[in-house]
Amino acid sequence: MKVFLDDNRHPPDDSWIWVMTTKEAIELLRAGEVEELDLDYDLGEPESFGNGMDVLAWIEHEMKENGFEAPRVITSHSGDQVARKRMEEVIRQIRTVAKGP
């Protein structure tokens, strides 16, 4: 399944599941069937929705602590260029860990 996290923008097409909160994204990740994940950074009110970096932090934690297998493809479509760059760095780290030694 393909998951698109954004509180305003719609996914590129109907092949994506659109979620608006980090909680919804993490619930789908926990189910273990997410193959592609596209994240926004800014999601409405931070205390209500969190942000895309929170999802990446959850993935990193679960990989290290529980052997979670990250989605095959993770991208960010955030309009916040600074946050997007930070997210892309974390995504690269996740990919490095997923490949193993």
PDB file of N, CA and C in Angstrom:
ATOM      1  N   MET A   1       0.838  -1.175   0.000  1.00  0.00           N
ATOM      2  CA  MET A   1       0.000   0.000   0.000  1.00  0.00           C
ATOM      3  C   MET A   1       0.884   1.240   0.000  1.00  0.00           C
ATOM      4  N   LYS A   2       0.356   2.330  -0.544  1.00  0.00           N
ATOM      5  CA  LYS A   2       1.054   3.601  -0.617  1.00  0.00           C
ATOM      6  C   LYS A   2       0.328   4.593   0.289  1.00  0.00           C
ATOM      7  N   VAL A   3       1.078   5.247   1.189  1.00  0.00           N
ATOM      8  CA  VAL A   3       0.490   6.158   2.168  1.00  0.00           C
ATOM      9  C   VAL A   3       1.027   7.569   1.938  1.00  0.00           C
ATOM     10  N   PHE A   4       0.104   8.530   1.861  1.00  0.00           N
ATOM     11  CA  PHE A   4       0.414   9.936   1.626  1.00  0.00           C
ATOM     12  C   PHE A   4      -0.032  10.721   2.846  1.00  0.00           C
ATOM     13  N   LEU A   5       0.923  11.289   3.595  1.00  0.00           N
ATOM     14  CA  LEU A   5       0.618  12.048   4.808  1.00  0.00           C
ATOM     15  C   LEU A   5       0.650  13.542   4.511  1.00  0.00           C
ATOM     16  N   ASP A   6      -0.506  14.185   4.608  1.00  0.00           N
ATOM     17  CA  ASP A   6      -0.609  15.624   4.398  1.00  0.00           C
ATOM     18  C   ASP A   6      -1.972  16.084   4.912  1.00  0.00           C
ATOM     19  N   ASP A   7      -2.014  17.206   5.594  1.00  0.00           N
ATOM     20  CA  ASP A   7      -3.286  17.682   6.115  1.00  0.00           C
ATOM     21  C   ASP A   7      -4.044  18.571   5.136  1.00  0.00           C
ATOM     22  N   ASN A   8      -3.405  18.983   4.032  1.00  0.00           N
ATOM     23  CA  ASN A   8      -4.061  19.863   3.059  1.00  0.00           C
ATOM     24  C   ASN A   8      -4.081  19.311   1.647  1.00  0.00           C
ATOM     25  N   ARG A   9      -2.948  18.878   1.178  1.00  0.00           N
ATOM     26  CA  ARG A   9      -2.835  18.435  -0.215  1.00  0.00           C
ATOM     27  C   ARG A   9      -3.330  17.004  -0.390  1.00  0.00           C
ATOM     28  N   HIS A  10      -3.944  16.784  -1.519  1.00  0.00           N
ATOM     29  CA  HIS A  10      -4.421  15.448  -1.875  1.00  0.00           C
ATOM     30  C   HIS A  10      -3.276  14.646  -2.481  1.00  0.00           C
ATOM     31  N   PRO A  11      -3.341  13.331  -2.374  1.00  0.00           N
ATOM     32  CA  PRO A  11      -2.319  12.489  -3.010  1.00  0.00           C
ATOM     33  C   PRO A  11      -2.328  12.671  -4.525  1.00  0.00           C
ATOM     34  N   PRO A  12      -1.244  12.262  -5.174  1.00  0.00           N
ATOM     35  CA  PRO A  12      -1.140  12.431  -6.627  1.00  0.00           C
ATOM     36  C   PRO A  12      -2.213  11.690  -7.415  1.00  0.00           C
ATOM     37  N   ASP A  13      -2.667  10.543  -6.905  1.00  0.00           N
ATOM     38  CA  ASP A  13      -3.703   9.774  -7.606  1.00  0.00           C
ATOM     39  C   ASP A  13      -4.390   8.838  -6.617  1.00  0.00           C
ATOM     40  N   ASP A  14      -5.344   8.081  -7.109  1.00  0.00           N
ATOM     41  CA  ASP A  14      -6.166   7.219  -6.244  1.00  0.00           C
ATOM     42  C   ASP A  14      -5.462   5.962  -5.752  1.00  0.00           C
ATOM     43  N   SER A  15      -4.220   5.756  -6.159  1.00  0.00           N
ATOM     44  CA  SER A  15      -3.502   4.568  -5.688  1.00  0.00           C
ATOM     45  C   SER A  15      -2.962   4.768  -4.266  1.00  0.00           C
ATOM     46  N   TRP A  16      -3.050   5.994  -3.764  1.00  0.00           N
ATOM     47  CA  TRP A  16      -2.536   6.335  -2.435  1.00  0.00           C
ATOM     48  C   TRP A  16      -3.648   6.346  -1.403  1.00  0.00           C
ATOM     49  N   ILE A  17      -3.303   5.976  -0.167  1.00  0.00           N
ATOM     50  CA  ILE A  17      -4.194   6.166   0.976  1.00  0.00           C
ATOM     51  C   ILE A  17      -3.786   7.493   1.600  1.00  0.00           C
ATOM     52  N   TRP A  18      -4.747   8.398   1.719  1.00  0.00           N
ATOM     53  CA  TRP A  18      -4.483   9.734   2.243  1.00  0.00           C
ATOM     54  C   TRP A  18      -4.749   9.749   3.742  1.00  0.00           C
ATOM     55  N   VAL A  19      -3.729  10.094   4.538  1.00  0.00           N
ATOM     56  CA  VAL A  19      -3.887  10.272   5.977  1.00  0.00           C
ATOM     57  C   VAL A  19      -3.463  11.694   6.336  1.00  0.00           C
ATOM     58  N   MET A  20      -4.049  12.223   7.399  1.00  0.00           N
ATOM     59  CA  MET A  20      -3.806  13.613   7.753  1.00  0.00           C
ATOM     60  C   MET A  20      -3.055  13.791   9.068  1.00  0.00           C
ATOM     61  N   THR A  21      -2.823  12.705   9.798  1.00  0.00           N
ATOM     62  CA  THR A  21      -2.122  12.808  11.077  1.00  0.00           C
ATOM     63  C   THR A  21      -1.020  11.756  11.169  1.00  0.00           C
ATOM     64  N   THR A  22      -0.055  12.033  12.020  1.00  0.00           N
ATOM     65  CA  THR A  22       1.022  11.059  12.240  1.00  0.00           C
ATOM     66  C   THR A  22       0.445   9.781  12.845  1.00  0.00           C
ATOM     67  N   LYS A  23      -0.547   9.917  13.689  1.00  0.00           N
ATOM     68  CA  LYS A  23      -1.158   8.739  14.315  1.00  0.00           C
ATOM     69  C   LYS A  23      -1.725   7.794  13.258  1.00  0.00           C
ATOM     70  N   GLU A  24      -2.424   8.342  12.269  1.00  0.00           N
ATOM     71  CA  GLU A  24      -2.982   7.503  11.207  1.00  0.00           C
ATOM     72  C   GLU A  24      -1.871   6.827  10.400  1.00  0.00           C
ATOM     73  N   ALA A  25      -0.815   7.592  10.097  1.00  0.00           N
ATOM     74  CA  ALA A  25       0.300   7.022   9.324  1.00  0.00           C
ATOM     75  C   ALA A  25       0.966   5.888  10.091  1.00  0.00           C
ATOM     76  N   ILE A  26       1.204   6.093  11.375  1.00  0.00           N
ATOM     77  CA  ILE A  26       1.874   5.077  12.196  1.00  0.00           C
ATOM     78  C   ILE A  26       0.995   3.834  12.342  1.00  0.00           C
ATOM     79  N   GLU A  27      -0.306   4.013  12.457  1.00  0.00           N
ATOM     80  CA  GLU A  27      -1.204   2.855  12.542  1.00  0.00           C
ATOM     81  C   GLU A  27      -1.080   1.983  11.290  1.00  0.00           C
ATOM     82  N   LEU A  28      -1.011   2.624  10.120  1.00  0.00           N
ATOM     83  CA  LEU A  28      -0.865   1.862   8.880  1.00  0.00           C
ATOM     84  C   LEU A  28       0.518   1.211   8.798  1.00  0.00           C
ATOM     85  N   LEU A  29       1.552   1.916   9.243  1.00  0.00           N
ATOM     86  CA  LEU A  29       2.896   1.334   9.260  1.00  0.00           C
ATOM     87  C   LEU A  29       2.940   0.106  10.173  1.00  0.00           C
ATOM     88  N   ARG A  30       2.287   0.197  11.315  1.00  0.00           N
ATOM     89  CA  ARG A  30       2.255  -0.937  12.255  1.00  0.00           C
ATOM     90  C   ARG A  30       1.633  -2.170  11.617  1.00  0.00           C
ATOM     91  N   ALA A  31       0.679  -1.961  10.728  1.00  0.00           N
ATOM     92  CA  ALA A  31       0.017  -3.087  10.065  1.00  0.00           C
ATOM     93  C   ALA A  31       0.991  -3.842   9.161  1.00  0.00           C
ATOM     94  N   GLY A  32       2.097  -3.174   8.779  1.00  0.00           N
ATOM     95  CA  GLY A  32       3.158  -3.854   8.045  1.00  0.00           C
ATOM     96  C   GLY A  32       2.971  -3.998   6.556  1.00  0.00           C
ATOM     97  N   GLU A  33       2.039  -3.279   5.960  1.00  0.00           N
ATOM     98  CA  GLU A  33       1.799  -3.441   4.534  1.00  0.00           C
ATOM     99  C   GLU A  33       2.129  -2.195   3.718  1.00  0.00           C
ATOM    100  N   VAL A  34       2.777  -1.203   4.335  1.00  0.00           N
ATOM    101  CA  VAL A  34       3.112   0.031   3.625  1.00  0.00           C
ATOM    102  C   VAL A  34       4.395  -0.198   2.838  1.00  0.00           C
ATOM    103  N   GLU A  35       4.306  -0.061   1.529  1.00  0.00           N
ATOM    104  CA  GLU A  35       5.469  -0.220   0.657  1.00  0.00           C
ATOM    105  C   GLU A  35       6.055   1.120   0.254  1.00  0.00           C
ATOM    106  N   GLU A  36       5.203   2.148   0.235  1.00  0.00           N
ATOM    107  CA  GLU A  36       5.659   3.478  -0.154  1.00  0.00           C
ATOM    108  C   GLU A  36       5.019   4.503   0.771  1.00  0.00           C
ATOM    109  N   LEU A  37       5.836   5.471   1.205  1.00  0.00           N
ATOM    110  CA  LEU A  37       5.401   6.474   2.167  1.00  0.00           C
ATOM    111  C   LEU A  37       5.878   7.835   1.690  1.00  0.00           C
ATOM    112  N   ASP A  38       4.958   8.786   1.551  1.00  0.00           N
ATOM    113  CA  ASP A  38       5.289  10.143   1.129  1.00  0.00           C
ATOM    114  C   ASP A  38       4.794  11.090   2.218  1.00  0.00           C
ATOM    115  N   LEU A  39       5.725  11.858   2.808  1.00  0.00           N
ATOM    116  CA  LEU A  39       5.431  12.643   3.997  1.00  0.00           C
ATOM    117  C   LEU A  39       5.514  14.147   3.769  1.00  0.00           C
ATOM    118  N   ASP A  40       4.578  14.865   4.362  1.00  0.00           N
ATOM    119  CA  ASP A  40       4.679  16.310   4.506  1.00  0.00           C
ATOM    120  C   ASP A  40       5.291  16.557   5.882  1.00  0.00           C
ATOM    121  N   TYR A  41       5.831  17.743   6.096  1.00  0.00           N
ATOM    122  CA  TYR A  41       6.365  18.064   7.418  1.00  0.00           C
ATOM    123  C   TYR A  41       5.296  18.740   8.261  1.00  0.00           C
ATOM    124  N   ASP A  42       4.790  19.878   7.813  1.00  0.00           N
ATOM    125  CA  ASP A  42       3.833  20.666   8.597  1.00  0.00           C
ATOM    126  C   ASP A  42       2.437  20.076   8.492  1.00  0.00           C
ATOM    127  N   LEU A  43       1.868  19.750   9.646  1.00  0.00           N
ATOM    128  CA  LEU A  43       0.539  19.129   9.673  1.00  0.00           C
ATOM    129  C   LEU A  43      -0.365  19.855  10.654  1.00  0.00           C
ATOM    130  N   GLY A  44      -0.937  20.960  10.255  1.00  0.00           N
ATOM    131  CA  GLY A  44      -1.885  21.661  11.113  1.00  0.00           C
ATOM    132  C   GLY A  44      -1.272  22.033  12.449  1.00  0.00           C
ATOM    133  N   GLU A  45      -2.026  21.882  13.490  1.00  0.00           N
ATOM    134  CA  GLU A  45      -1.575  22.208  14.839  1.00  0.00           C
ATOM    135  C   GLU A  45      -0.662  21.105  15.358  1.00  0.00           C
ATOM    136  N   PRO A  46       0.583  21.434  15.724  1.00  0.00           N
ATOM    137  CA  PRO A  46       1.548  20.403  16.143  1.00  0.00           C
ATOM    138  C   PRO A  46       1.056  19.495  17.263  1.00  0.00           C
ATOM    139  N   GLU A  47       0.355  20.054  18.239  1.00  0.00           N
ATOM    140  CA  GLU A  47      -0.084  19.215  19.355  1.00  0.00           C
ATOM    141  C   GLU A  47      -1.162  18.219  18.924  1.00  0.00           C
ATOM    142  N   SER A  48      -1.840  18.488  17.830  1.00  0.00           N
ATOM    143  CA  SER A  48      -2.895  17.594  17.363  1.00  0.00           C
ATOM    144  C   SER A  48      -2.405  16.570  16.346  1.00  0.00           C
ATOM    145  N   PHE A  49      -1.519  17.012  15.451  1.00  0.00           N
ATOM    146  CA  PHE A  49      -1.167  16.183  14.311  1.00  0.00           C
ATOM    147  C   PHE A  49       0.281  15.727  14.291  1.00  0.00           C
ATOM    148  N   GLY A  50       1.181  16.398  14.989  1.00  0.00           N
ATOM    149  CA  GLY A  50       2.598  16.086  14.896  1.00  0.00           C
ATOM    150  C   GLY A  50       3.136  16.589  13.575  1.00  0.00           C
ATOM    151  N   ASN A  51       4.221  15.948  13.091  1.00  0.00           N
ATOM    152  CA  ASN A  51       4.770  16.324  11.791  1.00  0.00           C
ATOM    153  C   ASN A  51       5.431  15.106  11.157  1.00  0.00           C
ATOM    154  N   GLY A  52       5.826  15.257   9.911  1.00  0.00           N
ATOM    155  CA  GLY A  52       6.406  14.140   9.184  1.00  0.00           C
ATOM    156  C   GLY A  52       7.664  13.583   9.828  1.00  0.00           C
ATOM    157  N   MET A  53       8.433  14.438  10.496  1.00  0.00           N
ATOM    158  CA  MET A  53       9.642  13.983  11.173  1.00  0.00           C
ATOM    159  C   MET A  53       9.303  13.015  12.308  1.00  0.00           C
ATOM    160  N   ASP A  54       8.152  13.211  12.933  1.00  0.00           N
ATOM    161  CA  ASP A  54       7.723  12.287  13.998  1.00  0.00           C
ATOM    162  C   ASP A  54       7.531  10.871  13.459  1.00  0.00           C
ATOM    163  N   VAL A  55       7.031  10.759  12.249  1.00  0.00           N
ATOM    164  CA  VAL A  55       6.842   9.438  11.631  1.00  0.00           C
ATOM    165  C   VAL A  55       8.205   8.804  11.360  1.00  0.00           C
ATOM    166  N   LEU A  56       9.142   9.597  10.852  1.00  0.00           N
ATOM    167  CA  LEU A  56      10.487   9.066  10.598  1.00  0.00           C
ATOM    168  C   LEU A  56      11.163   8.635  11.895  1.00  0.00           C
ATOM    169  N   ALA A  57      10.977   9.408  12.960  1.00  0.00           N
ATOM    170  CA  ALA A  57      11.548   9.036  14.261  1.00  0.00           C
ATOM    171  C   ALA A  57      10.947   7.722  14.747  1.00  0.00           C
ATOM    172  N   TRP A  58       9.650   7.541  14.541  1.00  0.00           N
ATOM    173  CA  TRP A  58       9.003   6.291  14.938  1.00  0.00           C
ATOM    174  C   TRP A  58       9.598   5.125  14.149  1.00  0.00           C
ATOM    175  N   ILE A  59       9.768   5.301  12.847  1.00  0.00           N
ATOM    176  CA  ILE A  59      10.345   4.237  12.015  1.00  0.00           C
ATOM    177  C   ILE A  59      11.740   3.887  12.508  1.00  0.00           C
ATOM    178  N   GLU A  60      12.583   4.896  12.745  1.00  0.00           N
ATOM    179  CA  GLU A  60      13.949   4.640  13.232  1.00  0.00           C
ATOM    180  C   GLU A  60      13.926   3.859  14.541  1.00  0.00           C
ATOM    181  N   HIS A  61      13.096   4.293  15.457  1.00  0.00           N
ATOM    182  CA  HIS A  61      13.012   3.624  16.761  1.00  0.00           C
ATOM    183  C   HIS A  61      12.588   2.167  16.599  1.00  0.00           C
ATOM    184  N   GLU A  62      11.544   1.943  15.816  1.00  0.00           N
ATOM    185  CA  GLU A  62      11.030   0.586  15.637  1.00  0.00           C
ATOM    186  C   GLU A  62      12.035  -0.312  14.916  1.00  0.00           C
ATOM    187  N   MET A  63      12.807   0.256  14.010  1.00  0.00           N
ATOM    188  CA  MET A  63      13.837  -0.536  13.323  1.00  0.00           C
ATOM    189  C   MET A  63      14.897  -0.996  14.328  1.00  0.00           C
ATOM    190  N   LYS A  64      15.330  -0.083  15.170  1.00  0.00           N
ATOM    191  CA  LYS A  64      16.396  -0.389  16.133  1.00  0.00           C
ATOM    192  C   LYS A  64      15.919  -1.293  17.255  1.00  0.00           C
ATOM    193  N   GLU A  65      14.729  -1.039  17.751  1.00  0.00           N
ATOM    194  CA  GLU A  65      14.251  -1.756  18.935  1.00  0.00           C
ATOM    195  C   GLU A  65      13.485  -3.038  18.625  1.00  0.00           C
ATOM    196  N   ASN A  66      12.815  -3.079  17.490  1.00  0.00           N
ATOM    197  CA  ASN A  66      11.904  -4.195  17.234  1.00  0.00           C
ATOM    198  C   ASN A  66      12.085  -4.863  15.878  1.00  0.00           C
ATOM    199  N   GLY A  67      13.121  -4.486  15.152  1.00  0.00           N
ATOM    200  CA  GLY A  67      13.365  -5.114  13.862  1.00  0.00           C
ATOM    201  C   GLY A  67      12.347  -4.748  12.791  1.00  0.00           C
ATOM    202  N   PHE A  68      11.689  -3.614  12.962  1.00  0.00           N
ATOM    203  CA  PHE A  68      10.696  -3.150  11.992  1.00  0.00           C
ATOM    204  C   PHE A  68      11.343  -2.995  10.618  1.00  0.00           C
ATOM    205  N   GLU A  69      10.639  -3.403   9.588  1.00  0.00           N
ATOM    206  CA  GLU A  69      11.121  -3.245   8.222  1.00  0.00           C
ATOM    207  C   GLU A  69      10.494  -1.990   7.624  1.00  0.00           C
ATOM    208  N   ALA A  70      11.340  -1.005   7.321  1.00  0.00           N
ATOM    209  CA  ALA A  70      10.866   0.270   6.775  1.00  0.00           C
ATOM    210  C   ALA A  70      10.233   0.064   5.403  1.00  0.00           C
ATOM    211  N   PRO A  71       9.312   0.943   5.033  1.00  0.00           N
ATOM    212  CA  PRO A  71       8.752   0.865   3.679  1.00  0.00           C
ATOM    213  C   PRO A  71       9.865   0.921   2.636  1.00  0.00           C
ATOM    214  N   ARG A  72       9.632   0.274   1.529  1.00  0.00           N
ATOM    215  CA  ARG A  72      10.607   0.193   0.440  1.00  0.00           C
ATOM    216  C   ARG A  72      10.979   1.583  -0.074  1.00  0.00           C
ATOM    217  N   VAL A  73       9.996   2.482  -0.179  1.00  0.00           N
ATOM    218  CA  VAL A  73      10.216   3.833  -0.672  1.00  0.00           C
ATOM    219  C   VAL A  73       9.675   4.825   0.351  1.00  0.00           C
ATOM    220  N   ILE A  74      10.521   5.781   0.746  1.00  0.00           N
ATOM    221  CA  ILE A  74      10.093   6.863   1.636  1.00  0.00           C
ATOM    222  C   ILE A  74      10.552   8.166   0.996  1.00  0.00           C
ATOM    223  N   THR A  75       9.620   9.115   0.855  1.00  0.00           N
ATOM    224  CA  THR A  75       9.945  10.422   0.298  1.00  0.00           C
ATOM    225  C   THR A  75       9.259  11.511   1.115  1.00  0.00           C
ATOM    226  N   SER A  76       9.664  12.751   0.863  1.00  0.00           N
ATOM    227  CA  SER A  76       9.027  13.907   1.484  1.00  0.00           C
ATOM    228  C   SER A  76       8.623  14.879   0.390  1.00  0.00           C
ATOM    229  N   HIS A  77       7.417  15.400   0.489  1.00  0.00           N
ATOM    230  CA  HIS A  77       6.949  16.411  -0.451  1.00  0.00           C
ATOM    231  C   HIS A  77       6.730  17.750   0.247  1.00  0.00           C
ATOM    232  N   SER A  78       7.347  17.943   1.400  1.00  0.00           N
ATOM    233  CA  SER A  78       7.155  19.153   2.186  1.00  0.00           C
ATOM    234  C   SER A  78       7.578  20.405   1.420  1.00  0.00           C
ATOM    235  N   GLY A  79       6.779  21.453   1.548  1.00  0.00           N
ATOM    236  CA  GLY A  79       7.127  22.744   0.965  1.00  0.00           C
ATOM    237  C   GLY A  79       8.122  23.505   1.818  1.00  0.00           C
ATOM    238  N   ASP A  80       8.305  23.085   3.069  1.00  0.00           N
ATOM    239  CA  ASP A  80       9.284  23.696   3.973  1.00  0.00           C
ATOM    240  C   ASP A  80      10.647  23.130   3.606  1.00  0.00           C
ATOM    241  N   GLN A  81      11.436  23.911   2.884  1.00  0.00           N
ATOM    242  CA  GLN A  81      12.699  23.414   2.337  1.00  0.00           C
ATOM    243  C   GLN A  81      13.694  22.969   3.410  1.00  0.00           C
ATOM    244  N   VAL A  82      13.754  23.683   4.531  1.00  0.00           N
ATOM    245  CA  VAL A  82      14.675  23.302   5.610  1.00  0.00           C
ATOM    246  C   VAL A  82      14.238  21.970   6.214  1.00  0.00           C
ATOM    247  N   ALA A  83      12.956  21.853   6.515  1.00  0.00           N
ATOM    248  CA  ALA A  83      12.444  20.599   7.090  1.00  0.00           C
ATOM    249  C   ALA A  83      12.581  19.452   6.092  1.00  0.00           C
ATOM    250  N   ARG A  84      12.322  19.743   4.837  1.00  0.00           N
ATOM    251  CA  ARG A  84      12.423  18.701   3.817  1.00  0.00           C
ATOM    252  C   ARG A  84      13.849  18.162   3.733  1.00  0.00           C
ATOM    253  N   LYS A  85      14.828  19.053   3.783  1.00  0.00           N
ATOM    254  CA  LYS A  85      16.228  18.619   3.734  1.00  0.00           C
ATOM    255  C   LYS A  85      16.558  17.743   4.941  1.00  0.00           C
ATOM    256  N   ARG A  86      16.113  18.146   6.128  1.00  0.00           N
ATOM    257  CA  ARG A  86      16.344  17.340   7.338  1.00  0.00           C
ATOM    258  C   ARG A  86      15.683  15.980   7.210  1.00  0.00           C
ATOM    259  N   MET A  87      14.462  15.961   6.686  1.00  0.00           N
ATOM    260  CA  MET A  87      13.755  14.694   6.518  1.00  0.00           C
ATOM    261  C   MET A  87      14.486  13.800   5.526  1.00  0.00           C
ATOM    262  N   GLU A  88      14.983  14.366   4.458  1.00  0.00           N
ATOM    263  CA  GLU A  88      15.708  13.572   3.465  1.00  0.00           C
ATOM    264  C   GLU A  88      16.984  12.971   4.056  1.00  0.00           C
ATOM    265  N   GLU A  89      17.633  13.698   4.976  1.00  0.00           N
ATOM    266  CA  GLU A  89      18.816  13.158   5.657  1.00  0.00           C
ATOM    267  C   GLU A  89      18.431  11.955   6.516  1.00  0.00           C
ATOM    268  N   VAL A  90      17.331  12.061   7.233  1.00  0.00           N
ATOM    269  CA  VAL A  90      16.868  10.950   8.076  1.00  0.00           C
ATOM    270  C   VAL A  90      16.462   9.765   7.195  1.00  0.00           C
ATOM    271  N   ILE A  91      15.821  10.035   6.075  1.00  0.00           N
ATOM    272  CA  ILE A  91      15.439   8.960   5.158  1.00  0.00           C
ATOM    273  C   ILE A  91      16.680   8.224   4.664  1.00  0.00           C
ATOM    274  N   ARG A  92      17.745   8.949   4.349  1.00  0.00           N
ATOM    275  CA  ARG A  92      19.005   8.314   3.929  1.00  0.00           C
ATOM    276  C   ARG A  92      19.554   7.428   5.053  1.00  0.00           C
ATOM    277  N   GLN A  93      19.470   7.893   6.296  1.00  0.00           N
ATOM    278  CA  GLN A  93      19.948   7.094   7.431  1.00  0.00           C
ATOM    279  C   GLN A  93      19.113   5.814   7.572  1.00  0.00           C
ATOM    280  N   ILE A  94      17.814   5.947   7.405  1.00  0.00           N
ATOM    281  CA  ILE A  94      16.934   4.775   7.479  1.00  0.00           C
ATOM    282  C   ILE A  94      17.328   3.774   6.397  1.00  0.00           C
ATOM    283  N   ARG A  95      17.562   4.238   5.183  1.00  0.00           N
ATOM    284  CA  ARG A  95      17.962   3.367   4.082  1.00  0.00           C
ATOM    285  C   ARG A  95      19.282   2.669   4.395  1.00  0.00           C
ATOM    286  N   THR A  96      20.236   3.389   4.989  1.00  0.00           N
ATOM    287  CA  THR A  96      21.532   2.812   5.350  1.00  0.00           C
ATOM    288  C   THR A  96      21.353   1.693   6.372  1.00  0.00           C
ATOM    289  N   VAL A  97      20.546   1.929   7.382  1.00  0.00           N
ATOM    290  CA  VAL A  97      20.289   0.920   8.412  1.00  0.00           C
ATOM    291  C   VAL A  97      19.557  -0.271   7.806  1.00  0.00           C
ATOM    292  N   ALA A  98      18.603   0.003   6.911  1.00  0.00           N
ATOM    293  CA  ALA A  98      17.815  -1.078   6.299  1.00  0.00           C
ATOM    294  C   ALA A  98      18.701  -2.002   5.451  1.00  0.00           C
ATOM    295  N   LYS A  99      19.725  -1.434   4.814  1.00  0.00           N
ATOM    296  CA  LYS A  99      20.626  -2.244   3.989  1.00  0.00           C
ATOM    297  C   LYS A  99      21.527  -3.121   4.836  1.00  0.00           C
ATOM    298  N   GLY A 100      21.819  -2.662   6.039  1.00  0.00           N
ATOM    299  CA  GLY A 100      22.681  -3.438   6.938  1.00  0.00           C
ATOM    300  C   GLY A 100      24.145  -3.319   6.591  1.00  0.00           C
ATOM    301  N   PRO A 101      24.998  -3.995   7.404  1.00  0.00           N
ATOM    302  CA  PRO A 101      26.444  -3.885   7.211  1.00  0.00           C
ATOM    303  C   PRO A 101      26.931  -4.559   5.937  1.00  0.00           C
TER     304      PRO A 101
END
